[in-house]
Amino acid sequence: MRKERPKFNVMKRKITIAFTSMLFAAGFSLAQSGLDIRFDPDGATGPLPVSGPNLSGSTHSISLYPGSPDLPGGVFEAHFEVTNNNATDKQYKIVRKQMNVPSTWIDQICWPPLCYNASGTVYSTPHTVSNPAPIIVSGGNTTTTGLDAEMKPRITPDQSSAGYALYRYYFYDVQMGGYVDSVDLSIGFVLGLTQQKAAPSMSVAPNPADNHTTVTVNSDESTQMKVVDALGKTVMVETIYNGSRNIDVSDLKNGVYFVLIESDGKTMNRKLIVRH
């Protein structure tokens, strides 16, 4: 006599299949959006197309601090160049969602042809008769009106305190309806961070040297250099200007010498072999 399968197992299998199908459909939709979204570090001055990874469905992250070169006037401006790889022109508006943003931060979003003051947790760029959403030409990164298809968030962090923010920018297909793609912007703002000087370094070349050699240091400041022999006797003292100095070693005897430089309170030395 054949036993019936427990109804619970049949139901569990149906749920698993349905859930797997939903995941496949979501992934397929994202992969087929036809959008190429790339961060442009040069902004409006950079050439198109932009190199770097396609950020479609992923995150661009940056760290900022007071006085950061990426924060002129207290505003960080990100440039995302958008290419429409679909077979037809596509019309999109942008929906900005604050995933995790300090309440004192302010943001705008620029999407051709204008920039808009974003407000609330969710904000959508306009699509009206007087201000329609831009249409990106098929196979290109310009709109049908000849503008650069650039999605440009402008973020003003509160510089009185450290903070972290995560924004998500959805691309909404106006003609078909619904979200088709997204890109995240992650910003960390820290206090008291200053740019670190590069560790001091020096080089001596050619080495071995016959008549001349050049000593180079990674400093724009004038630096005193000494050459000592194997017994520690100073045989030459020179000043290095603008990071390098050509020195004449034709009068030195064949042998091993040491080039000594003091920079930022640290003494560096390199072995120099003189061989005529």
Protein backbone atom coordinates (compact mmCIF):
# COMPACT_ATOMS: atom_id res chain seq x y z
CA MET A 1 0.00 0.00 0.00
CA ARG A 2 1.46 3.40 -1.11
CA LYS A 3 1.91 5.96 1.64
CA GLU A 4 0.78 9.54 1.09
CA ARG A 5 3.42 12.26 1.41
CA PRO A 6 2.88 14.46 4.44
CA LYS A 7 1.11 17.64 3.36
CA PHE A 8 3.60 19.68 5.36
CA ASN A 9 6.53 18.58 3.16
CA VAL A 10 4.60 19.32 -0.04
CA MET A 11 3.73 22.78 1.20
CA LYS A 12 7.34 23.43 2.27
CA ARG A 13 8.55 22.46 -1.17
CA LYS A 14 6.06 24.81 -2.84
CA ILE A 15 7.16 27.70 -0.63
CA THR A 16 10.85 26.99 -1.37
CA ILE A 17 10.23 26.93 -5.14
CA ALA A 18 8.20 30.15 -4.98
CA PHE A 19 10.89 31.92 -2.93
CA THR A 20 13.66 30.76 -5.28
CA SER A 21 11.66 32.02 -8.27
CA MET A 22 11.25 35.43 -6.62
CA LEU A 23 15.00 35.69 -6.01
CA PHE A 24 15.74 34.72 -9.61
CA ALA A 25 13.25 37.24 -10.93
CA ALA A 26 14.72 40.04 -8.79
CA GLY A 27 18.28 39.25 -9.87
CA PHE A 28 17.27 38.93 -13.52
CA SER A 29 15.51 42.29 -13.43
CA LEU A 30 18.57 44.01 -11.95
CA ALA A 31 20.95 42.38 -14.43
CA GLN A 32 18.71 43.44 -17.32
CA SER A 33 18.31 47.11 -16.32
CA GLY A 34 20.69 48.11 -19.08
CA LEU A 35 22.18 50.92 -16.99
CA ASP A 36 25.89 51.51 -16.51
CA ILE A 37 26.58 53.74 -13.47
CA ARG A 38 30.16 54.88 -12.89
CA PHE A 39 31.70 57.32 -10.41
CA ASP A 40 33.57 60.17 -12.09
CA PRO A 41 36.34 61.47 -9.78
CA ASP A 42 37.08 64.37 -12.14
CA GLY A 43 33.50 65.63 -12.26
CA ALA A 44 32.66 67.94 -15.14
CA THR A 45 36.32 68.25 -16.16
CA GLY A 46 36.82 64.54 -16.81
CA PRO A 47 36.58 62.94 -20.24
CA LEU A 48 33.76 60.58 -21.14
CA PRO A 49 33.29 57.67 -20.99
CA VAL A 50 34.37 57.29 -17.36
CA SER A 51 36.72 54.46 -16.42
CA GLY A 52 36.31 52.43 -13.24
CA PRO A 53 33.83 49.77 -12.15
CA ASN A 54 30.14 49.74 -12.96
CA LEU A 55 28.48 50.59 -9.64
CA SER A 56 25.02 49.41 -10.70
CA GLY A 57 23.50 47.80 -7.60
CA SER A 58 26.58 48.50 -5.46
CA THR A 59 28.16 51.20 -3.26
CA HIS A 60 30.61 54.06 -3.64
CA SER A 61 32.28 54.95 -0.31
CA ILE A 62 34.30 57.98 0.77
CA SER A 63 35.80 59.36 3.99
CA LEU A 64 35.71 63.11 4.68
CA TYR A 65 37.19 65.39 7.34
CA PRO A 66 37.29 69.16 8.02
CA GLY A 67 39.44 70.73 5.34
CA SER A 68 39.21 67.68 3.09
CA PRO A 69 39.90 68.54 -0.59
CA ASP A 70 36.71 66.62 -1.43
CA LEU A 71 34.71 69.02 0.76
CA PRO A 72 35.15 72.52 -0.76
CA GLY A 73 32.91 75.02 0.97
CA GLY A 74 31.65 72.25 3.24
CA VAL A 75 29.82 70.45 0.40
CA PHE A 76 30.69 67.04 -1.05
CA GLU A 77 29.60 66.64 -4.66
CA ALA A 78 29.55 63.14 -6.19
CA HIS A 79 29.37 62.64 -9.95
CA PHE A 80 27.78 59.45 -11.29
CA GLU A 81 27.80 59.15 -15.08
CA VAL A 82 24.88 57.07 -16.38
CA THR A 83 24.92 55.18 -19.69
CA ASN A 84 21.79 53.67 -21.22
CA ASN A 85 22.77 50.37 -22.86
CA ASN A 86 19.17 49.48 -23.75
CA ALA A 87 18.02 49.20 -27.36
CA THR A 88 15.65 52.16 -26.91
CA ASP A 89 15.75 55.60 -25.30
CA LYS A 90 14.79 55.47 -21.62
CA GLN A 91 13.20 58.05 -19.32
CA TYR A 92 14.18 57.95 -15.65
CA LYS A 93 13.59 59.92 -12.51
CA ILE A 94 15.67 59.48 -9.34
CA VAL A 95 14.27 58.45 -5.97
CA ARG A 96 16.64 59.23 -3.10
CA LYS A 97 16.22 57.25 0.12
CA GLN A 98 18.04 58.00 3.37
CA MET A 99 19.09 54.59 4.66
CA ASN A 100 21.01 55.95 7.66
CA VAL A 101 21.66 59.70 7.75
CA PRO A 102 22.24 62.13 10.65
CA SER A 103 19.30 64.52 11.04
CA THR A 104 21.55 67.59 10.77
CA TRP A 105 22.94 66.69 7.35
CA ILE A 106 21.55 68.45 4.26
CA ASP A 107 21.47 67.10 0.71
CA GLN A 108 20.55 68.04 -2.82
CA ILE A 109 20.27 65.94 -5.94
CA CYS A 110 21.05 67.12 -9.46
CA TRP A 111 19.42 65.29 -12.35
CA PRO A 112 19.15 66.98 -15.76
CA PRO A 113 18.35 69.73 -16.18
CA LEU A 114 18.19 71.03 -12.58
CA CYS A 115 19.31 70.53 -8.98
CA TYR A 116 16.71 69.98 -6.25
CA ASN A 117 16.67 70.40 -2.47
CA ALA A 118 15.94 66.91 -1.19
CA SER A 119 13.76 66.54 1.89
CA GLY A 120 12.33 63.75 4.00
CA THR A 121 13.47 60.14 4.18
CA VAL A 122 12.35 59.52 0.58
CA TYR A 123 12.54 62.17 -2.12
CA SER A 124 11.79 61.91 -5.86
CA THR A 125 12.99 64.19 -8.63
CA PRO A 126 10.11 65.76 -10.60
CA HIS A 127 8.27 64.37 -13.60
CA THR A 128 5.70 66.95 -14.67
CA VAL A 129 4.54 68.56 -17.89
CA SER A 130 6.68 71.63 -17.20
CA ASN A 131 9.65 69.67 -15.84
CA PRO A 132 9.70 66.16 -17.34
CA ALA A 133 12.23 63.50 -16.28
CA PRO A 134 15.20 63.33 -18.67
CA ILE A 135 15.33 60.79 -21.48
CA ILE A 136 18.72 59.09 -21.93
CA VAL A 137 19.51 58.16 -25.52
CA SER A 138 20.01 54.52 -26.40
CA GLY A 139 23.66 53.46 -26.25
CA GLY A 140 24.81 56.78 -24.82
CA ASN A 141 25.29 58.92 -21.72
CA THR A 142 23.53 62.07 -22.88
CA THR A 143 19.91 63.11 -22.79
CA THR A 144 17.72 63.80 -25.81
CA THR A 145 18.23 67.51 -25.07
CA GLY A 146 22.02 67.15 -25.31
CA LEU A 147 22.82 67.26 -21.57
CA ASP A 148 25.25 64.97 -19.77
CA ALA A 149 23.33 62.11 -18.10
CA GLU A 150 24.89 62.71 -14.72
CA MET A 151 23.28 61.94 -11.36
CA LYS A 152 24.94 64.31 -8.91
CA PRO A 153 24.26 64.18 -5.15
CA ARG A 154 25.41 67.18 -3.11
CA ILE A 155 25.90 66.38 0.57
CA THR A 156 26.51 68.95 3.33
CA PRO A 157 27.61 67.10 6.48
CA ASP A 158 27.35 68.65 9.92
CA GLN A 159 31.02 69.46 10.62
CA SER A 160 30.44 69.99 14.33
CA SER A 161 30.37 66.24 14.98
CA ALA A 162 31.55 63.00 13.44
CA GLY A 163 28.92 61.03 11.57
CA TYR A 164 28.13 58.33 9.03
CA ALA A 165 25.55 58.44 6.25
CA LEU A 166 24.21 55.97 3.70
CA TYR A 167 22.09 57.20 0.79
CA ARG A 168 20.44 55.03 -1.87
CA TYR A 169 19.53 56.40 -5.29
CA TYR A 170 16.92 54.42 -7.23
CA PHE A 171 16.41 54.78 -10.98
CA TYR A 172 12.68 54.78 -11.71
CA ASP A 173 11.59 53.88 -15.26
CA VAL A 174 8.88 56.46 -16.05
CA GLN A 175 7.62 54.69 -19.18
CA MET A 176 7.42 51.15 -17.77
CA GLY A 177 6.90 52.08 -14.10
CA GLY A 178 8.96 50.71 -11.20
CA TYR A 179 12.53 50.74 -9.93
CA VAL A 180 15.06 49.19 -12.31
CA ASP A 181 18.41 49.87 -10.64
CA SER A 182 20.16 51.69 -7.80
CA VAL A 183 23.50 52.92 -6.48
CA ASP A 184 24.46 53.61 -2.85
CA LEU A 185 26.63 56.45 -1.53
CA SER A 186 28.38 55.82 1.81
CA ILE A 187 30.03 58.77 3.59
CA GLY A 188 32.05 58.73 6.79
CA PHE A 189 32.85 62.11 8.36
CA VAL A 190 35.54 62.23 11.06
CA LEU A 191 36.95 65.04 13.18
CA GLY A 192 40.60 65.87 13.81
CA LEU A 193 41.96 64.06 10.77
CA THR A 194 44.82 65.77 8.98
CA GLN A 195 46.72 64.73 5.93
CA GLN A 196 49.76 62.69 6.84
CA LYS A 197 53.15 63.53 5.41
CA ALA A 198 54.74 60.82 3.32
CA ALA A 199 57.41 58.87 5.16
CA PRO A 200 60.85 60.34 4.41
CA SER A 201 62.84 58.46 1.79
CA MET A 202 66.03 58.93 -0.20
CA SER A 203 67.89 57.32 -3.05
CA VAL A 204 71.43 57.44 -4.46
CA ALA A 205 71.99 56.68 -8.13
CA PRO A 206 74.02 55.64 -9.97
CA ASN A 207 75.51 53.40 -7.32
CA PRO A 208 78.33 52.31 -7.68
CA ALA A 209 79.38 55.76 -8.89
CA ASP A 210 82.37 56.76 -10.99
CA ASN A 211 82.52 60.55 -11.22
CA HIS A 212 79.02 61.73 -10.28
CA THR A 213 75.92 60.49 -8.49
CA THR A 214 72.56 62.05 -7.60
CA VAL A 215 71.03 62.06 -4.14
CA THR A 216 67.22 62.40 -4.12
CA VAL A 217 64.89 62.96 -1.16
CA ASN A 218 61.05 63.29 -1.06
CA SER A 219 61.12 66.82 0.35
CA ASP A 220 60.77 70.28 -1.19
CA GLU A 221 62.64 71.84 1.71
CA SER A 222 66.40 72.39 1.68
CA THR A 223 68.17 69.52 3.44
CA GLN A 224 71.75 69.10 4.60
CA MET A 225 73.60 66.05 3.35
CA LYS A 226 76.88 64.57 4.59
CA VAL A 227 79.08 61.90 3.05
CA VAL A 228 81.27 59.97 5.49
CA ASP A 229 83.82 57.25 4.86
CA ALA A 230 83.91 53.79 6.42
CA LEU A 231 85.75 55.18 9.47
CA GLY A 232 83.07 57.82 10.10
CA LYS A 233 85.14 60.77 8.81
CA THR A 234 83.10 63.46 7.02
CA VAL A 235 84.46 63.90 3.50
CA MET A 236 81.70 66.07 2.01
CA VAL A 237 78.89 68.39 3.14
CA GLU A 238 76.27 69.64 0.68
CA THR A 239 72.80 71.17 0.75
CA ILE A 240 70.00 69.58 -1.26
CA TYR A 241 67.56 72.01 -2.87
CA ASN A 242 64.23 71.05 -4.50
CA GLY A 243 64.58 67.37 -3.61
CA SER A 244 67.80 66.37 -5.42
CA ARG A 245 71.50 67.14 -5.71
CA ASN A 246 74.12 65.98 -8.16
CA ILE A 247 77.45 65.47 -6.36
CA ASP A 248 80.96 65.08 -7.70
CA VAL A 249 82.76 62.01 -6.28
CA SER A 250 85.68 62.02 -8.72
CA ASP A 251 88.08 63.14 -5.98
CA LEU A 252 87.03 60.37 -3.57
CA LYS A 253 89.09 57.20 -3.33
CA ASN A 254 87.57 53.88 -4.32
CA GLY A 255 85.69 52.37 -1.42
CA VAL A 256 82.53 52.37 0.65
CA TYR A 257 80.95 55.60 1.90
CA PHE A 258 77.67 56.54 3.59
CA VAL A 259 75.33 59.37 2.60
CA LEU A 260 73.56 60.82 5.68
CA ILE A 261 70.48 63.07 5.62
CA GLU A 262 68.34 64.35 8.47
CA SER A 263 64.70 65.06 7.58
CA ASP A 264 61.74 65.72 9.91
CA GLY A 265 63.88 64.71 12.90
CA LYS A 266 64.82 61.37 11.33
CA THR A 267 68.26 60.41 10.05
CA MET A 268 68.47 58.41 6.86
CA ASN A 269 71.56 56.85 5.35
CA ARG A 270 72.43 55.02 2.17
CA LYS A 271 75.60 53.14 1.28
CA LEU A 272 77.54 54.63 -1.61
CA ILE A 273 80.22 52.69 -3.46
CA VAL A 274 82.79 54.74 -5.36
CA ARG A 275 84.53 52.82 -8.14
CA HIS A 276 86.68 54.67 -10.71
